[in-house]
Amino acid sequence: MLQDLDETLKKLLEVGLSQTPIGAVKISFAAPGSEVEEQTVNLFLYDIRENLELRSNDWLVQRQGDGTALKYQPPARVDCSYLITVKMP
């Protein structure tokens, strides 16, 4: 799930930044303090918390083709906080 979020953020930034005078930059998800040799936008995921407002205690039921049903809890909804830094060599 978090890898999908990272990939989505990376694609959004690549498209958005390519249309600016800066042009193409490297998108990184490394810990802060790493040395870079090129223009880099770094996104560091530093906090993940369950979103209690969107929490649901209701079970989900999925009907199967053979007449049975699967009962499961919905996935947790989370808020992710990123530290975003821009580095230019």
N, C-alpha and C. Protein backbone atom coordinates (compact mmCIF):
# COMPACT_ATOMS: atom_id res chain seq x y z
N MET A 1 0.82 -1.18 0.00
CA MET A 1 0.00 0.00 0.00
C MET A 1 0.87 1.26 0.00
N LEU A 2 1.86 1.33 0.87
CA LEU A 2 2.69 2.53 0.94
C LEU A 2 3.57 2.67 -0.30
N GLN A 3 3.97 1.56 -0.88
CA GLN A 3 4.76 1.63 -2.10
C GLN A 3 3.92 2.24 -3.24
N ASP A 4 2.63 1.92 -3.27
CA ASP A 4 1.75 2.51 -4.28
C ASP A 4 1.63 4.02 -4.07
N LEU A 5 1.54 4.45 -2.82
CA LEU A 5 1.48 5.88 -2.52
C LEU A 5 2.77 6.57 -2.98
N ASP A 6 3.91 5.98 -2.69
CA ASP A 6 5.19 6.55 -3.13
C ASP A 6 5.25 6.67 -4.65
N GLU A 7 4.83 5.64 -5.34
CA GLU A 7 4.87 5.66 -6.81
C GLU A 7 3.94 6.73 -7.37
N THR A 8 2.77 6.90 -6.76
CA THR A 8 1.83 7.93 -7.21
C THR A 8 2.42 9.32 -7.00
N LEU A 9 2.98 9.56 -5.83
CA LEU A 9 3.61 10.86 -5.56
C LEU A 9 4.76 11.12 -6.53
N LYS A 10 5.55 10.10 -6.80
CA LYS A 10 6.68 10.24 -7.72
C LYS A 10 6.19 10.64 -9.12
N LYS A 11 5.16 9.97 -9.61
CA LYS A 11 4.64 10.28 -10.95
C LYS A 11 4.06 11.69 -11.00
N LEU A 12 3.31 12.08 -9.96
CA LEU A 12 2.75 13.43 -9.93
C LEU A 12 3.85 14.50 -9.96
N LEU A 13 4.89 14.30 -9.18
CA LEU A 13 5.99 15.26 -9.15
C LEU A 13 6.76 15.28 -10.46
N GLU A 14 7.01 14.12 -11.04
CA GLU A 14 7.75 14.07 -12.31
C GLU A 14 7.00 14.82 -13.39
N VAL A 15 5.70 14.61 -13.48
CA VAL A 15 4.91 15.30 -14.50
C VAL A 15 4.84 16.80 -14.21
N GLY A 16 4.55 17.15 -12.97
CA GLY A 16 4.43 18.57 -12.61
C GLY A 16 5.72 19.34 -12.75
N LEU A 17 6.82 18.77 -12.29
CA LEU A 17 8.10 19.48 -12.34
C LEU A 17 8.69 19.53 -13.74
N SER A 18 8.35 18.58 -14.59
CA SER A 18 8.90 18.60 -15.96
C SER A 18 8.35 19.78 -16.75
N GLN A 19 7.26 20.37 -16.30
CA GLN A 19 6.64 21.50 -16.99
C GLN A 19 7.10 22.85 -16.43
N THR A 20 8.09 22.84 -15.55
CA THR A 20 8.62 24.07 -14.97
C THR A 20 9.99 24.38 -15.58
N PRO A 21 10.51 25.58 -15.35
CA PRO A 21 11.85 25.90 -15.85
C PRO A 21 12.94 24.99 -15.28
N ILE A 22 12.70 24.41 -14.12
CA ILE A 22 13.70 23.52 -13.51
C ILE A 22 13.90 22.29 -14.37
N GLY A 23 12.83 21.79 -14.99
CA GLY A 23 12.92 20.60 -15.81
C GLY A 23 12.89 19.33 -14.99
N ALA A 24 13.46 18.29 -15.54
CA ALA A 24 13.43 16.98 -14.89
C ALA A 24 14.35 16.96 -13.67
N VAL A 25 13.86 16.38 -12.59
CA VAL A 25 14.65 16.20 -11.38
C VAL A 25 14.50 14.77 -10.90
N LYS A 26 15.44 14.34 -10.09
CA LYS A 26 15.37 13.01 -9.51
C LYS A 26 14.42 13.07 -8.31
N ILE A 27 13.56 12.07 -8.17
CA ILE A 27 12.66 11.96 -7.02
C ILE A 27 13.20 10.82 -6.16
N SER A 28 13.41 11.12 -4.88
CA SER A 28 14.02 10.16 -3.96
C SER A 28 13.14 9.99 -2.73
N PHE A 29 13.25 8.84 -2.09
CA PHE A 29 12.53 8.56 -0.84
C PHE A 29 13.52 8.14 0.25
N ALA A 30 14.72 8.69 0.21
CA ALA A 30 15.78 8.34 1.16
C ALA A 30 15.63 9.14 2.45
N ALA A 31 16.34 8.68 3.47
CA ALA A 31 16.36 9.41 4.74
C ALA A 31 17.07 10.75 4.54
N PRO A 32 16.66 11.79 5.26
CA PRO A 32 17.32 13.10 5.12
C PRO A 32 18.81 13.01 5.45
N GLY A 33 19.58 13.87 4.80
CA GLY A 33 21.01 13.91 5.06
C GLY A 33 21.84 13.18 4.02
N SER A 34 21.21 12.48 3.10
CA SER A 34 21.95 11.77 2.06
C SER A 34 22.56 12.78 1.09
N GLU A 35 23.75 12.51 0.65
CA GLU A 35 24.40 13.38 -0.34
C GLU A 35 23.84 13.07 -1.72
N VAL A 36 23.65 14.12 -2.51
CA VAL A 36 23.13 13.95 -3.87
C VAL A 36 24.08 14.62 -4.85
N GLU A 37 24.08 14.12 -6.07
CA GLU A 37 24.95 14.68 -7.11
C GLU A 37 24.15 15.35 -8.21
N GLU A 38 22.83 15.36 -8.08
CA GLU A 38 21.99 15.98 -9.08
C GLU A 38 20.79 16.63 -8.40
N GLN A 39 20.01 17.39 -9.17
CA GLN A 39 18.82 18.02 -8.60
C GLN A 39 17.89 16.92 -8.09
N THR A 40 17.52 17.02 -6.82
CA THR A 40 16.72 15.96 -6.21
C THR A 40 15.62 16.55 -5.34
N VAL A 41 14.43 16.00 -5.48
CA VAL A 41 13.35 16.26 -4.55
C VAL A 41 13.22 15.00 -3.72
N ASN A 42 13.40 15.14 -2.41
CA ASN A 42 13.36 13.97 -1.52
C ASN A 42 12.10 14.01 -0.67
N LEU A 43 11.40 12.89 -0.64
CA LEU A 43 10.20 12.75 0.19
C LEU A 43 10.49 11.66 1.22
N PHE A 44 10.52 12.04 2.49
CA PHE A 44 10.80 11.09 3.56
C PHE A 44 9.54 10.90 4.38
N LEU A 45 9.02 9.68 4.37
CA LEU A 45 7.81 9.35 5.14
C LEU A 45 8.21 9.24 6.61
N TYR A 46 7.78 10.21 7.42
CA TYR A 46 8.21 10.21 8.82
C TYR A 46 7.09 9.88 9.81
N ASP A 47 5.84 9.82 9.36
CA ASP A 47 4.76 9.53 10.31
C ASP A 47 3.58 8.88 9.59
N ILE A 48 3.06 7.83 10.18
CA ILE A 48 1.86 7.16 9.69
C ILE A 48 0.93 6.99 10.88
N ARG A 49 -0.30 7.50 10.73
CA ARG A 49 -1.28 7.38 11.81
C ARG A 49 -2.62 6.95 11.23
N GLU A 50 -3.32 6.13 11.99
CA GLU A 50 -4.66 5.74 11.56
C GLU A 50 -5.57 6.96 11.60
N ASN A 51 -6.37 7.12 10.54
CA ASN A 51 -7.34 8.20 10.49
C ASN A 51 -8.60 7.73 11.21
N LEU A 52 -8.78 8.20 12.43
CA LEU A 52 -9.89 7.73 13.26
C LEU A 52 -11.24 8.22 12.76
N GLU A 53 -11.27 9.34 12.04
CA GLU A 53 -12.53 9.84 11.50
C GLU A 53 -13.07 8.93 10.40
N LEU A 54 -12.19 8.27 9.68
CA LEU A 54 -12.62 7.40 8.58
C LEU A 54 -12.69 5.93 9.00
N ARG A 55 -12.40 5.65 10.26
CA ARG A 55 -12.40 4.26 10.75
C ARG A 55 -13.82 3.70 10.67
N SER A 56 -13.90 2.44 10.29
CA SER A 56 -15.19 1.74 10.25
C SER A 56 -15.05 0.43 11.00
N ASN A 57 -15.97 0.19 11.92
CA ASN A 57 -15.97 -1.06 12.66
C ASN A 57 -16.87 -2.10 12.01
N ASP A 58 -17.53 -1.72 10.92
CA ASP A 58 -18.42 -2.65 10.22
C ASP A 58 -17.61 -3.67 9.43
N TRP A 59 -18.05 -4.90 9.49
CA TRP A 59 -17.42 -5.95 8.72
C TRP A 59 -17.93 -5.88 7.29
N LEU A 60 -17.08 -6.20 6.33
CA LEU A 60 -17.48 -6.28 4.93
C LEU A 60 -17.77 -7.73 4.59
N VAL A 61 -18.77 -7.93 3.74
CA VAL A 61 -19.15 -9.29 3.33
C VAL A 61 -19.00 -9.38 1.82
N GLN A 62 -18.28 -10.39 1.38
CA GLN A 62 -18.08 -10.61 -0.05
C GLN A 62 -18.69 -11.96 -0.41
N ARG A 63 -19.70 -11.93 -1.26
CA ARG A 63 -20.38 -13.16 -1.68
C ARG A 63 -19.53 -13.90 -2.71
N GLN A 64 -19.46 -15.20 -2.55
CA GLN A 64 -18.69 -16.05 -3.45
C GLN A 64 -19.63 -16.72 -4.45
N GLY A 65 -19.09 -17.18 -5.54
CA GLY A 65 -19.88 -17.84 -6.57
C GLY A 65 -20.51 -19.16 -6.12
N ASP A 66 -19.93 -19.80 -5.12
CA ASP A 66 -20.45 -21.09 -4.66
C ASP A 66 -21.50 -20.93 -3.55
N GLY A 67 -21.98 -19.71 -3.33
CA GLY A 67 -23.01 -19.49 -2.33
C GLY A 67 -22.50 -19.16 -0.94
N THR A 68 -21.20 -19.24 -0.73
CA THR A 68 -20.65 -18.89 0.57
C THR A 68 -20.31 -17.39 0.61
N ALA A 69 -19.95 -16.93 1.76
CA ALA A 69 -19.59 -15.52 1.91
C ALA A 69 -18.33 -15.40 2.75
N LEU A 70 -17.51 -14.44 2.40
CA LEU A 70 -16.32 -14.13 3.19
C LEU A 70 -16.60 -12.86 3.98
N LYS A 71 -16.26 -12.88 5.24
CA LYS A 71 -16.47 -11.73 6.11
C LYS A 71 -15.10 -11.23 6.55
N TYR A 72 -14.84 -9.93 6.35
CA TYR A 72 -13.53 -9.38 6.71
C TYR A 72 -13.67 -7.92 7.12
N GLN A 73 -12.68 -7.46 7.86
CA GLN A 73 -12.67 -6.06 8.27
C GLN A 73 -12.13 -5.20 7.14
N PRO A 74 -12.63 -3.98 7.01
CA PRO A 74 -12.11 -3.10 5.96
C PRO A 74 -10.67 -2.70 6.25
N PRO A 75 -9.94 -2.31 5.22
CA PRO A 75 -8.55 -1.90 5.46
C PRO A 75 -8.49 -0.63 6.31
N ALA A 76 -7.41 -0.48 7.02
CA ALA A 76 -7.20 0.72 7.83
C ALA A 76 -6.95 1.91 6.91
N ARG A 77 -7.50 3.03 7.28
CA ARG A 77 -7.26 4.27 6.55
C ARG A 77 -6.23 5.07 7.35
N VAL A 78 -5.21 5.53 6.66
CA VAL A 78 -4.11 6.17 7.36
C VAL A 78 -3.81 7.55 6.78
N ASP A 79 -3.23 8.39 7.62
CA ASP A 79 -2.69 9.68 7.20
C ASP A 79 -1.17 9.54 7.18
N CYS A 80 -0.57 9.93 6.08
CA CYS A 80 0.89 9.83 5.93
C CYS A 80 1.48 11.24 5.87
N SER A 81 2.54 11.46 6.63
CA SER A 81 3.22 12.75 6.65
C SER A 81 4.62 12.59 6.08
N TYR A 82 4.95 13.46 5.14
CA TYR A 82 6.26 13.43 4.48
C TYR A 82 7.04 14.70 4.79
N LEU A 83 8.33 14.56 4.97
CA LEU A 83 9.25 15.69 5.01
C LEU A 83 9.79 15.82 3.59
N ILE A 84 9.57 16.97 2.97
CA ILE A 84 9.98 17.17 1.58
C ILE A 84 11.13 18.17 1.55
N THR A 85 12.23 17.75 0.95
CA THR A 85 13.39 18.63 0.80
C THR A 85 13.81 18.67 -0.66
N VAL A 86 14.38 19.79 -1.05
CA VAL A 86 14.89 19.96 -2.41
C VAL A 86 16.38 20.23 -2.29
N LYS A 87 17.17 19.46 -3.03
CA LYS A 87 18.62 19.63 -2.98
C LYS A 87 19.14 19.91 -4.39
N MET A 88 20.01 20.90 -4.45
CA MET A 88 20.68 21.23 -5.70
C MET A 88 22.17 21.14 -5.44
N PRO A 89 22.91 20.45 -6.28
CA PRO A 89 24.36 20.31 -6.05
C PRO A 89 25.09 21.64 -6.20
